[in-house]
Amino acid sequence: MPYQLPRRSKHLLKMRKFLNPKAFTLLEITIVTAVLLVLLGTTISLIAPSNSKGRSRDARRMSDISNLDRALNEYKLDFGGYPGEENTLYTSNVVPSGSSSIYSPTSGWVPADLSDYFPKYPTDPVNDVTYHYEYIHDSVSYEISTRVEQLVQEPSNDGGNDPSSYELGNNLLLISP
């Protein structure tokens, strides 16, 4: 009489027929999915770097405007008034007459000597017709502003009258939108 497998062993042999040794385990599928997600995230960040570059430029703009704000206030304390002519709009992308360079700390895009407050005038990272710094003052107040690229929520929180520009100063209505 031939040897018969116990009933339980027959059941295991039947199950082995259904198990495919070439199939993937759940752990392998999870690892591959995680690697693909990391690669996808990296690819997206490399394809659209303009968003991060825009945010970086906006952060620099806000820092520059803050430094300029501090310098203007210190200048007023030292000299009793704000630099430049009253009610004249100065922009960082235009060299005023009599100035040597927009960057010159002694006579930059605002024709005043601010070399005691910073080594060179701050200018916008792009500094063109659309993206530049603006400054104006009257006898008692001033405003400085810059247009932002990515941080569009900042202009709405600054209290100024231009929803597309980040504004600082003690009268945020001097520069018209």
N, C-alpha and C. Protein backbone atom coordinates (compact mmCIF):
# COMPACT_ATOMS: atom_id res chain seq x y z
N MET A 1 0.84 -1.15 0.00
CA MET A 1 0.00 0.00 0.00
C MET A 1 0.89 1.23 0.00
N PRO A 2 0.59 2.13 -0.92
CA PRO A 2 1.43 3.32 -0.99
C PRO A 2 1.20 4.20 0.22
N TYR A 3 2.26 4.98 0.51
CA TYR A 3 2.20 5.87 1.66
C TYR A 3 1.26 7.02 1.37
N GLN A 4 0.36 7.30 2.29
CA GLN A 4 -0.57 8.42 2.13
C GLN A 4 -0.19 9.52 3.11
N LEU A 5 -0.23 10.72 2.58
CA LEU A 5 0.05 11.87 3.43
C LEU A 5 -1.11 12.08 4.38
N PRO A 6 -0.79 12.56 5.54
CA PRO A 6 -1.89 12.89 6.43
C PRO A 6 -2.77 13.98 5.80
N ARG A 7 -3.97 14.03 6.25
CA ARG A 7 -4.94 14.95 5.66
C ARG A 7 -4.45 16.40 5.70
N ARG A 8 -3.83 16.81 6.77
CA ARG A 8 -3.34 18.17 6.92
C ARG A 8 -2.26 18.48 5.89
N SER A 9 -1.38 17.59 5.63
CA SER A 9 -0.31 17.79 4.66
C SER A 9 -0.88 17.94 3.26
N LYS A 10 -1.94 17.22 2.94
CA LYS A 10 -2.56 17.37 1.63
C LYS A 10 -3.09 18.79 1.45
N HIS A 11 -3.64 19.32 2.54
CA HIS A 11 -4.17 20.68 2.49
C HIS A 11 -3.03 21.68 2.22
N LEU A 12 -1.88 21.51 2.83
CA LEU A 12 -0.74 22.41 2.61
C LEU A 12 -0.24 22.32 1.17
N LEU A 13 -0.24 21.13 0.60
CA LEU A 13 0.18 20.98 -0.78
C LEU A 13 -0.76 21.72 -1.73
N LYS A 14 -2.06 21.68 -1.43
CA LYS A 14 -3.02 22.39 -2.26
C LYS A 14 -2.79 23.90 -2.15
N MET A 15 -2.48 24.41 -0.95
CA MET A 15 -2.25 25.85 -0.77
C MET A 15 -1.00 26.29 -1.52
N ARG A 16 0.03 25.47 -1.55
CA ARG A 16 1.24 25.83 -2.27
C ARG A 16 0.99 25.99 -3.75
N LYS A 17 0.02 25.29 -4.26
CA LYS A 17 -0.32 25.45 -5.67
C LYS A 17 -0.86 26.86 -5.93
N PHE A 18 -1.57 27.44 -4.92
CA PHE A 18 -2.16 28.76 -5.11
C PHE A 18 -1.17 29.88 -4.80
N LEU A 19 -0.16 29.64 -4.01
CA LEU A 19 0.83 30.66 -3.69
C LEU A 19 1.82 30.77 -4.84
N ASN A 20 1.99 32.01 -5.32
CA ASN A 20 2.92 32.25 -6.42
C ASN A 20 4.24 32.71 -5.83
N PRO A 21 5.30 31.95 -6.01
CA PRO A 21 6.58 32.35 -5.43
C PRO A 21 7.16 33.60 -6.08
N LYS A 22 6.61 34.03 -7.22
CA LYS A 22 7.09 35.22 -7.89
C LYS A 22 6.31 36.47 -7.48
N ALA A 23 5.36 36.38 -6.60
CA ALA A 23 4.53 37.52 -6.19
C ALA A 23 5.27 38.39 -5.17
N PHE A 24 4.82 39.65 -5.05
CA PHE A 24 5.43 40.59 -4.10
C PHE A 24 4.72 40.51 -2.76
N THR A 25 5.49 40.73 -1.71
CA THR A 25 4.89 40.77 -0.38
C THR A 25 4.39 42.18 -0.12
N LEU A 26 3.57 42.32 0.88
CA LEU A 26 3.03 43.63 1.24
C LEU A 26 4.16 44.59 1.65
N LEU A 27 5.15 44.10 2.32
CA LEU A 27 6.29 44.93 2.73
C LEU A 27 7.05 45.46 1.51
N GLU A 28 7.27 44.63 0.53
CA GLU A 28 7.96 45.06 -0.69
C GLU A 28 7.15 46.13 -1.43
N ILE A 29 5.86 45.96 -1.51
CA ILE A 29 5.00 46.94 -2.17
C ILE A 29 5.04 48.27 -1.42
N THR A 30 5.02 48.23 -0.11
CA THR A 30 5.06 49.45 0.70
C THR A 30 6.38 50.19 0.51
N ILE A 31 7.47 49.48 0.50
CA ILE A 31 8.79 50.11 0.32
C ILE A 31 8.90 50.76 -1.06
N VAL A 32 8.46 50.07 -2.09
CA VAL A 32 8.51 50.62 -3.45
C VAL A 32 7.63 51.86 -3.55
N THR A 33 6.44 51.83 -2.95
CA THR A 33 5.55 52.99 -2.96
C THR A 33 6.20 54.18 -2.27
N ALA A 34 6.83 53.97 -1.12
CA ALA A 34 7.49 55.05 -0.39
C ALA A 34 8.62 55.65 -1.22
N VAL A 35 9.42 54.82 -1.85
CA VAL A 35 10.52 55.31 -2.70
C VAL A 35 9.97 56.13 -3.87
N LEU A 36 8.90 55.65 -4.49
CA LEU A 36 8.29 56.39 -5.60
C LEU A 36 7.75 57.74 -5.15
N LEU A 37 7.15 57.81 -3.97
CA LEU A 37 6.64 59.08 -3.45
C LEU A 37 7.77 60.07 -3.18
N VAL A 38 8.88 59.60 -2.64
CA VAL A 38 10.04 60.47 -2.41
C VAL A 38 10.58 60.98 -3.74
N LEU A 39 10.69 60.12 -4.72
CA LEU A 39 11.17 60.53 -6.04
C LEU A 39 10.21 61.53 -6.69
N LEU A 40 8.93 61.32 -6.54
CA LEU A 40 7.93 62.24 -7.09
C LEU A 40 8.04 63.61 -6.43
N GLY A 41 8.17 63.65 -5.12
CA GLY A 41 8.32 64.93 -4.41
C GLY A 41 9.57 65.67 -4.83
N THR A 42 10.67 64.95 -4.97
CA THR A 42 11.92 65.57 -5.41
C THR A 42 11.79 66.10 -6.82
N THR A 43 11.17 65.34 -7.69
CA THR A 43 10.98 65.78 -9.08
C THR A 43 10.13 67.04 -9.15
N ILE A 44 9.05 67.08 -8.39
CA ILE A 44 8.19 68.27 -8.40
C ILE A 44 8.95 69.48 -7.90
N SER A 45 9.74 69.33 -6.86
CA SER A 45 10.49 70.47 -6.34
C SER A 45 11.57 70.93 -7.31
N LEU A 46 12.09 70.02 -8.12
CA LEU A 46 13.09 70.42 -9.11
C LEU A 46 12.45 71.02 -10.35
N ILE A 47 11.25 70.60 -10.68
CA ILE A 47 10.57 71.12 -11.86
C ILE A 47 10.07 72.53 -11.62
N ALA A 48 9.59 72.83 -10.42
CA ALA A 48 9.02 74.14 -10.12
C ALA A 48 9.84 74.90 -9.07
N PRO A 49 11.11 75.19 -9.36
CA PRO A 49 11.90 75.93 -8.38
C PRO A 49 11.55 77.41 -8.33
N SER A 50 10.78 77.88 -9.31
CA SER A 50 10.44 79.30 -9.33
C SER A 50 9.65 79.71 -8.09
N ASN A 51 8.84 78.81 -7.55
CA ASN A 51 8.10 79.14 -6.34
C ASN A 51 9.03 79.39 -5.18
N SER A 52 10.01 78.53 -4.99
CA SER A 52 10.94 78.72 -3.87
C SER A 52 11.85 79.91 -4.12
N LYS A 53 12.23 80.14 -5.36
CA LYS A 53 13.06 81.32 -5.66
C LYS A 53 12.28 82.60 -5.43
N GLY A 54 11.00 82.60 -5.80
CA GLY A 54 10.16 83.77 -5.57
C GLY A 54 9.99 84.07 -4.09
N ARG A 55 9.79 83.02 -3.29
CA ARG A 55 9.68 83.20 -1.85
C ARG A 55 10.99 83.72 -1.27
N SER A 56 12.09 83.23 -1.77
CA SER A 56 13.40 83.69 -1.31
C SER A 56 13.60 85.17 -1.64
N ARG A 57 13.24 85.56 -2.86
CA ARG A 57 13.36 86.98 -3.23
C ARG A 57 12.43 87.85 -2.38
N ASP A 58 11.23 87.35 -2.09
CA ASP A 58 10.30 88.10 -1.25
C ASP A 58 10.85 88.27 0.16
N ALA A 59 11.47 87.23 0.70
CA ALA A 59 12.07 87.33 2.03
C ALA A 59 13.17 88.38 2.05
N ARG A 60 13.98 88.41 0.99
CA ARG A 60 15.03 89.43 0.90
C ARG A 60 14.42 90.83 0.80
N ARG A 61 13.36 90.95 0.01
CA ARG A 61 12.69 92.25 -0.13
C ARG A 61 12.22 92.76 1.23
N MET A 62 11.57 91.89 1.99
CA MET A 62 11.06 92.30 3.29
C MET A 62 12.18 92.66 4.25
N SER A 63 13.26 91.93 4.19
CA SER A 63 14.42 92.25 5.02
C SER A 63 15.03 93.59 4.61
N ASP A 64 15.19 93.81 3.31
CA ASP A 64 15.74 95.08 2.82
C ASP A 64 14.86 96.25 3.20
N ILE A 65 13.55 96.10 3.04
CA ILE A 65 12.62 97.17 3.38
C ILE A 65 12.67 97.47 4.87
N SER A 66 12.80 96.43 5.68
CA SER A 66 12.91 96.61 7.12
C SER A 66 14.20 97.37 7.47
N ASN A 67 15.31 97.01 6.82
CA ASN A 67 16.58 97.72 7.06
C ASN A 67 16.50 99.17 6.60
N LEU A 68 15.86 99.40 5.46
CA LEU A 68 15.69 100.76 4.97
C LEU A 68 14.80 101.57 5.91
N ASP A 69 13.76 100.94 6.43
CA ASP A 69 12.87 101.59 7.40
C ASP A 69 13.67 102.03 8.63
N ARG A 70 14.49 101.13 9.14
CA ARG A 70 15.32 101.45 10.31
C ARG A 70 16.26 102.60 9.99
N ALA A 71 16.91 102.56 8.81
CA ALA A 71 17.87 103.60 8.43
C ALA A 71 17.18 104.96 8.28
N LEU A 72 15.98 104.98 7.70
CA LEU A 72 15.26 106.24 7.54
C LEU A 72 14.90 106.86 8.89
N ASN A 73 14.49 106.03 9.82
CA ASN A 73 14.16 106.53 11.15
C ASN A 73 15.39 107.04 11.89
N GLU A 74 16.50 106.33 11.75
CA GLU A 74 17.74 106.80 12.38
C GLU A 74 18.23 108.09 11.71
N TYR A 75 18.09 108.19 10.41
CA TYR A 75 18.47 109.40 9.68
C TYR A 75 17.63 110.58 10.19
N LYS A 76 16.34 110.38 10.38
CA LYS A 76 15.48 111.46 10.86
C LYS A 76 15.89 111.89 12.27
N LEU A 77 16.23 110.92 13.12
CA LEU A 77 16.69 111.27 14.46
C LEU A 77 17.99 112.07 14.41
N ASP A 78 18.89 111.70 13.51
CA ASP A 78 20.19 112.38 13.40
C ASP A 78 20.10 113.75 12.75
N PHE A 79 19.24 113.90 11.72
CA PHE A 79 19.24 115.14 10.93
C PHE A 79 17.93 115.93 11.01
N GLY A 80 16.94 115.44 11.72
CA GLY A 80 15.70 116.19 11.90
C GLY A 80 14.72 116.08 10.74
N GLY A 81 14.99 115.30 9.74
CA GLY A 81 14.08 115.13 8.61
C GLY A 81 14.44 113.88 7.83
N TYR A 82 13.57 113.51 6.92
CA TYR A 82 13.81 112.33 6.10
C TYR A 82 14.70 112.69 4.91
N PRO A 83 15.47 111.73 4.40
CA PRO A 83 16.36 112.03 3.26
C PRO A 83 15.59 112.24 1.96
N GLY A 84 16.17 113.05 1.08
CA GLY A 84 15.56 113.31 -0.23
C GLY A 84 14.59 114.47 -0.18
N GLU A 85 14.10 114.84 -1.37
CA GLU A 85 13.14 115.94 -1.48
C GLU A 85 11.75 115.47 -1.11
N GLU A 86 10.98 116.37 -0.49
CA GLU A 86 9.62 116.05 -0.10
C GLU A 86 8.75 115.78 -1.33
N ASN A 87 7.83 114.84 -1.17
CA ASN A 87 6.83 114.48 -2.19
C ASN A 87 7.45 114.06 -3.52
N THR A 88 8.65 113.52 -3.48
CA THR A 88 9.30 112.97 -4.67
C THR A 88 9.38 111.47 -4.49
N LEU A 89 8.87 110.74 -5.47
CA LEU A 89 8.90 109.28 -5.42
C LEU A 89 10.24 108.79 -5.95
N TYR A 90 10.99 108.10 -5.11
CA TYR A 90 12.27 107.51 -5.50
C TYR A 90 12.06 106.02 -5.69
N THR A 91 12.61 105.48 -6.78
CA THR A 91 12.52 104.05 -7.04
C THR A 91 13.92 103.47 -7.19
N SER A 92 14.08 102.24 -6.75
CA SER A 92 15.41 101.62 -6.73
C SER A 92 15.93 101.25 -8.11
N ASN A 93 15.09 101.34 -9.13
CA ASN A 93 15.57 100.98 -10.47
C ASN A 93 15.90 102.20 -11.32
N VAL A 94 15.89 103.39 -10.72
CA VAL A 94 16.22 104.63 -11.44
C VAL A 94 17.28 105.39 -10.66
N VAL A 95 18.36 105.75 -11.33
CA VAL A 95 19.40 106.56 -10.70
C VAL A 95 19.00 108.03 -10.82
N PRO A 96 18.79 108.72 -9.69
CA PRO A 96 18.42 110.13 -9.78
C PRO A 96 19.59 110.99 -10.26
N SER A 97 19.27 112.15 -10.80
CA SER A 97 20.34 113.03 -11.28
C SER A 97 21.22 113.42 -10.09
N GLY A 98 22.51 113.44 -10.33
CA GLY A 98 23.48 113.77 -9.29
C GLY A 98 23.97 112.56 -8.52
N SER A 99 23.35 111.40 -8.71
CA SER A 99 23.79 110.19 -8.02
C SER A 99 24.73 109.42 -8.93
N SER A 100 25.70 108.77 -8.31
CA SER A 100 26.68 108.03 -9.09
C SER A 100 26.20 106.62 -9.44
N SER A 101 25.44 106.00 -8.55
CA SER A 101 25.00 104.62 -8.73
C SER A 101 23.81 104.37 -7.82
N ILE A 102 22.94 103.45 -8.18
CA ILE A 102 21.82 103.15 -7.30
C ILE A 102 22.27 102.49 -6.00
N TYR A 103 23.47 101.91 -6.00
CA TYR A 103 23.99 101.21 -4.83
C TYR A 103 24.82 102.08 -3.90
N SER A 104 25.25 103.24 -4.35
CA SER A 104 26.17 104.08 -3.60
C SER A 104 25.58 104.47 -2.25
N PRO A 105 26.29 104.19 -1.13
CA PRO A 105 25.74 104.54 0.18
C PRO A 105 25.73 106.05 0.43
N THR A 106 26.52 106.78 -0.33
CA THR A 106 26.56 108.23 -0.13
C THR A 106 25.56 108.97 -1.00
N SER A 107 25.17 108.38 -2.13
CA SER A 107 24.19 109.01 -2.99
C SER A 107 23.62 107.97 -3.95
N GLY A 108 22.78 107.10 -3.43
CA GLY A 108 22.22 106.01 -4.24
C GLY A 108 20.90 106.40 -4.87
N TRP A 109 19.98 105.46 -4.91
CA TRP A 109 18.69 105.75 -5.54
C TRP A 109 17.86 106.74 -4.74
N VAL A 110 18.18 106.95 -3.47
CA VAL A 110 17.68 108.09 -2.71
C VAL A 110 18.89 109.00 -2.53
N PRO A 111 18.85 110.22 -3.07
CA PRO A 111 20.04 111.06 -3.05
C PRO A 111 20.34 111.62 -1.67
N ALA A 112 20.85 110.76 -0.80
CA ALA A 112 21.24 111.16 0.55
C ALA A 112 22.33 110.22 1.03
N ASP A 113 23.16 110.71 1.94
CA ASP A 113 24.25 109.90 2.48
C ASP A 113 23.72 109.03 3.61
N LEU A 114 23.54 107.76 3.33
CA LEU A 114 23.09 106.80 4.34
C LEU A 114 24.20 105.80 4.68
N SER A 115 25.44 106.19 4.43
CA SER A 115 26.57 105.28 4.64
C SER A 115 26.76 104.94 6.12
N ASP A 116 26.24 105.76 7.02
CA ASP A 116 26.34 105.43 8.45
C ASP A 116 25.38 104.31 8.84
N TYR A 117 24.41 103.99 7.98
CA TYR A 117 23.37 103.04 8.33
C TYR A 117 23.48 101.71 7.58
N PHE A 118 24.05 101.71 6.41
CA PHE A 118 24.35 100.47 5.69
C PHE A 118 25.42 100.72 4.63
N PRO A 119 26.17 99.67 4.23
CA PRO A 119 27.30 99.85 3.31
C PRO A 119 26.88 100.18 1.87
N LYS A 120 25.69 99.77 1.46
CA LYS A 120 25.18 100.13 0.13
C LYS A 120 23.67 100.14 0.19
N TYR A 121 23.07 100.94 -0.68
CA TYR A 121 21.62 101.00 -0.72
C TYR A 121 21.05 99.63 -1.08
N PRO A 122 20.00 99.21 -0.37
CA PRO A 122 19.36 97.96 -0.76
C PRO A 122 18.59 98.15 -2.06
N THR A 123 18.67 97.17 -2.92
CA THR A 123 17.91 97.19 -4.17
C THR A 123 17.19 95.85 -4.31
N ASP A 124 16.11 95.87 -5.02
CA ASP A 124 15.30 94.68 -5.23
C ASP A 124 16.14 93.61 -5.95
N PRO A 125 15.94 92.33 -5.63
CA PRO A 125 16.68 91.26 -6.31
C PRO A 125 16.46 91.25 -7.83
N VAL A 126 15.28 91.66 -8.28
CA VAL A 126 15.00 91.72 -9.71
C VAL A 126 15.28 93.14 -10.22
N ASN A 127 14.78 94.14 -9.51
CA ASN A 127 15.02 95.56 -9.77
C ASN A 127 14.73 95.96 -11.21
N ASP A 128 13.49 95.74 -11.61
CA ASP A 128 13.06 96.16 -12.95
C ASP A 128 11.82 97.04 -12.82
N VAL A 129 11.08 97.21 -13.88
CA VAL A 129 9.91 98.08 -13.87
C VAL A 129 8.83 97.57 -12.91
N THR A 130 8.69 96.25 -12.80
CA THR A 130 7.65 95.68 -11.95
C THR A 130 8.11 95.52 -10.50
N TYR A 131 9.28 94.97 -10.30
CA TYR A 131 9.79 94.68 -8.96
C TYR A 131 10.92 95.64 -8.62
N HIS A 132 10.63 96.59 -7.74
CA HIS A 132 11.62 97.56 -7.27
C HIS A 132 11.13 98.14 -5.95
N TYR A 133 12.00 98.88 -5.26
CA TYR A 133 11.63 99.53 -4.01
C TYR A 133 11.20 100.96 -4.32
N GLU A 134 10.24 101.46 -3.55
CA GLU A 134 9.78 102.83 -3.70
C GLU A 134 9.84 103.52 -2.34
N TYR A 135 10.14 104.81 -2.37
CA TYR A 135 10.22 105.60 -1.14
C TYR A 135 9.73 107.00 -1.43
N ILE A 136 8.91 107.53 -0.53
CA ILE A 136 8.43 108.91 -0.63
C ILE A 136 8.23 109.42 0.79
N HIS A 137 8.35 110.74 0.96
CA HIS A 137 8.07 111.33 2.27
C HIS A 137 7.50 112.73 2.09
N ASP A 138 6.79 113.15 3.11
CA ASP A 138 6.37 114.55 3.17
C ASP A 138 7.06 115.15 4.39
N SER A 139 6.58 116.24 4.91
CA SER A 139 7.28 116.90 6.01
C SER A 139 7.27 116.10 7.32
N VAL A 140 6.28 115.23 7.51
CA VAL A 140 6.18 114.51 8.79
C VAL A 140 6.11 113.00 8.68
N SER A 141 5.92 112.47 7.49
CA SER A 141 5.74 111.02 7.36
C SER A 141 6.44 110.49 6.11
N TYR A 142 6.50 109.16 6.03
CA TYR A 142 7.16 108.50 4.90
C TYR A 142 6.52 107.15 4.65
N GLU A 143 6.82 106.62 3.47
CA GLU A 143 6.39 105.26 3.11
C GLU A 143 7.43 104.64 2.20
N ILE A 144 7.70 103.37 2.43
CA ILE A 144 8.52 102.57 1.52
C ILE A 144 7.71 101.34 1.15
N SER A 145 7.86 100.89 -0.09
CA SER A 145 7.07 99.72 -0.51
C SER A 145 7.84 98.91 -1.54
N THR A 146 7.38 97.68 -1.69
CA THR A 146 7.91 96.78 -2.71
C THR A 146 6.81 95.81 -3.11
N ARG A 147 6.81 95.42 -4.36
CA ARG A 147 5.86 94.43 -4.86
C ARG A 147 6.43 93.04 -4.56
N VAL A 148 5.55 92.09 -4.17
CA VAL A 148 5.99 90.74 -3.85
C VAL A 148 5.53 89.76 -4.93
N GLU A 149 6.23 88.63 -5.01
CA GLU A 149 5.92 87.61 -6.01
C GLU A 149 5.08 86.48 -5.44
N GLN A 150 5.54 85.86 -4.36
CA GLN A 150 4.91 84.66 -3.82
C GLN A 150 4.19 84.89 -2.49
N LEU A 151 4.73 85.72 -1.65
CA LEU A 151 4.16 85.93 -0.32
C LEU A 151 3.03 86.95 -0.38
N VAL A 152 1.98 86.61 -1.11
CA VAL A 152 0.90 87.55 -1.40
C VAL A 152 0.03 87.84 -0.18
N GLN A 153 0.15 87.09 0.90
CA GLN A 153 -0.64 87.37 2.09
C GLN A 153 -0.03 88.52 2.89
N GLU A 154 1.26 88.77 2.75
CA GLU A 154 1.93 89.83 3.51
C GLU A 154 1.38 91.23 3.20
N PRO A 155 1.18 91.61 1.93
CA PRO A 155 0.64 92.95 1.67
C PRO A 155 -0.75 93.18 2.26
N SER A 156 -1.53 92.14 2.37
CA SER A 156 -2.87 92.33 2.94
C SER A 156 -2.82 92.53 4.45
N ASN A 157 -1.71 92.18 5.09
CA ASN A 157 -1.57 92.32 6.53
C ASN A 157 -0.79 93.56 6.95
N ASP A 158 -0.27 94.33 6.00
CA ASP A 158 0.61 95.44 6.38
C ASP A 158 -0.13 96.74 6.70
N GLY A 159 -1.41 96.82 6.41
CA GLY A 159 -2.19 98.02 6.72
C GLY A 159 -2.11 99.10 5.66
N GLY A 160 -1.45 98.82 4.54
CA GLY A 160 -1.32 99.81 3.48
C GLY A 160 -2.49 99.79 2.52
N ASN A 161 -2.41 100.69 1.53
CA ASN A 161 -3.52 100.83 0.59
C ASN A 161 -3.31 100.06 -0.72
N ASP A 162 -2.17 99.41 -0.88
CA ASP A 162 -1.90 98.66 -2.10
C ASP A 162 -1.88 97.16 -1.78
N PRO A 163 -2.86 96.40 -2.27
CA PRO A 163 -2.93 94.98 -1.94
C PRO A 163 -1.85 94.13 -2.60
N SER A 164 -1.08 94.69 -3.53
CA SER A 164 -0.02 93.90 -4.18
C SER A 164 1.38 94.31 -3.74
N SER A 165 1.49 95.29 -2.84
CA SER A 165 2.80 95.76 -2.38
C SER A 165 2.90 95.67 -0.87
N TYR A 166 4.08 95.28 -0.43
CA TYR A 166 4.38 95.27 1.00
C TYR A 166 4.86 96.67 1.37
N GLU A 167 4.22 97.29 2.35
CA GLU A 167 4.49 98.68 2.68
C GLU A 167 4.88 98.84 4.15
N LEU A 168 5.85 99.74 4.38
CA LEU A 168 6.26 100.12 5.72
C LEU A 168 6.34 101.63 5.79
N GLY A 169 6.23 102.16 6.99
CA GLY A 169 6.34 103.60 7.20
C GLY A 169 5.31 104.06 8.21
N ASN A 170 5.23 105.38 8.40
CA ASN A 170 4.25 105.89 9.35
C ASN A 170 3.05 106.53 8.66
N ASN A 171 3.02 106.49 7.31
CA ASN A 171 1.84 106.90 6.55
C ASN A 171 1.79 106.05 5.29
N LEU A 172 1.03 104.98 5.32
CA LEU A 172 1.00 104.02 4.22
C LEU A 172 0.04 104.42 3.10
N LEU A 173 -0.33 105.71 3.06
CA LEU A 173 -1.20 106.22 2.01
C LEU A 173 -0.48 107.17 1.05
N LEU A 174 0.82 107.36 1.26
CA LEU A 174 1.58 108.31 0.43
C LEU A 174 1.80 107.81 -1.00
N ILE A 175 2.04 106.52 -1.16
CA ILE A 175 2.28 105.94 -2.50
C ILE A 175 0.94 105.38 -2.98
N SER A 176 0.46 105.88 -4.09
CA SER A 176 -0.81 105.42 -4.65
C SER A 176 -0.61 104.08 -5.34
N PRO A 177 -1.62 103.18 -5.20
CA PRO A 177 -1.50 101.89 -5.90
C PRO A 177 -1.61 102.03 -7.41
